[in-house]
Amino acid sequence: MKRSPAEILMGIHLKELGLPFKTEVKFDEKRKWRWDFLLTESSVAIEIDGYFKGRHGAGWGADNEKRNT
């Protein structure tokens, strides 16, 4: 899967900090959602939101549903 510049930068920073992590971790099989990063020692998930032209209203609502889950 193609990584965004923000995801690439986050991976670099996590490595520099020495934090073990996994990428593209599935957490909802039904919706096929994945976290961008999962810090394995602390079970903290990181989702990187990018800029999407025209993303507003219903599109942002779907993103909020994922975050809340």
Protein backbone atom coordinates (compact mmCIF):
# COMPACT_ATOMS: atom_id res chain seq x y z
CA MET A 1 0.00 0.00 0.00
CA LYS A 2 1.31 3.44 -0.92
CA ARG A 3 2.25 5.54 2.11
CA SER A 4 1.58 9.27 2.31
CA PRO A 5 4.45 11.67 3.02
CA ALA A 6 3.03 12.16 6.55
CA GLU A 7 2.98 8.39 7.16
CA ILE A 8 6.55 8.03 5.92
CA LEU A 9 7.66 10.86 8.22
CA MET A 10 5.82 9.32 11.19
CA GLY A 11 7.58 6.01 10.59
CA ILE A 12 10.96 7.75 10.51
CA HIS A 13 10.23 9.58 13.77
CA LEU A 14 9.02 6.44 15.54
CA LYS A 15 12.20 4.62 14.48
CA GLU A 16 14.36 7.53 15.67
CA LEU A 17 12.59 7.38 19.04
CA GLY A 18 13.21 3.65 19.26
CA LEU A 19 9.52 2.86 19.60
CA PRO A 20 8.55 -0.57 18.27
CA PHE A 21 5.56 -0.39 15.95
CA LYS A 22 3.58 -2.18 13.29
CA THR A 23 1.93 -0.58 10.26
CA GLU A 24 -1.44 -1.19 8.59
CA VAL A 25 -2.83 -3.15 11.54
CA LYS A 26 -6.34 -4.53 10.92
CA PHE A 27 -8.81 -3.85 13.70
CA ASP A 28 -12.23 -4.29 12.10
CA GLU A 29 -12.61 -7.14 9.63
CA LYS A 30 -16.19 -6.22 8.70
CA ARG A 31 -15.30 -2.67 7.65
CA LYS A 32 -11.74 -3.58 6.66
CA TRP A 33 -10.37 -0.74 8.76
CA ARG A 34 -6.69 -0.54 9.63
CA TRP A 35 -4.64 1.68 11.90
CA ASP A 36 -1.72 3.35 10.19
CA PHE A 37 0.54 2.58 13.14
CA LEU A 38 0.28 0.55 16.32
CA LEU A 39 2.86 1.09 19.06
CA THR A 40 3.27 -2.51 20.16
CA GLU A 41 4.54 -1.95 23.70
CA SER A 42 1.79 0.46 24.70
CA SER A 43 -1.11 -0.57 22.43
CA VAL A 44 -1.47 3.01 21.20
CA ALA A 45 -2.92 3.36 17.70
CA ILE A 46 -1.99 6.26 15.41
CA GLU A 47 -4.11 7.25 12.44
CA ILE A 48 -2.68 9.80 10.02
CA ASP A 49 -5.30 11.97 8.37
CA GLY A 50 -4.26 13.71 5.20
CA TYR A 51 -5.73 16.47 3.11
CA PHE A 52 -8.32 15.30 0.62
CA LYS A 53 -9.73 17.88 -1.74
CA GLY A 54 -13.48 18.00 -1.37
CA ARG A 55 -13.56 15.85 1.77
CA HIS A 56 -16.22 17.28 4.01
CA GLY A 57 -19.61 16.38 5.37
CA ALA A 58 -20.27 12.65 5.00
CA GLY A 59 -16.61 11.86 4.26
CA TRP A 60 -15.46 13.37 7.53
CA GLY A 61 -18.30 11.57 9.32
CA ALA A 62 -16.95 8.20 8.17
CA ASP A 63 -13.49 9.15 9.42
CA ASN A 64 -14.96 10.13 12.79
CA GLU A 65 -16.74 6.78 13.02
CA LYS A 66 -13.42 5.00 12.53
CA ARG A 67 -11.68 7.14 15.17
CA ASN A 68 -14.48 6.63 17.69
CA THR A 69 -14.43 2.87 17.17
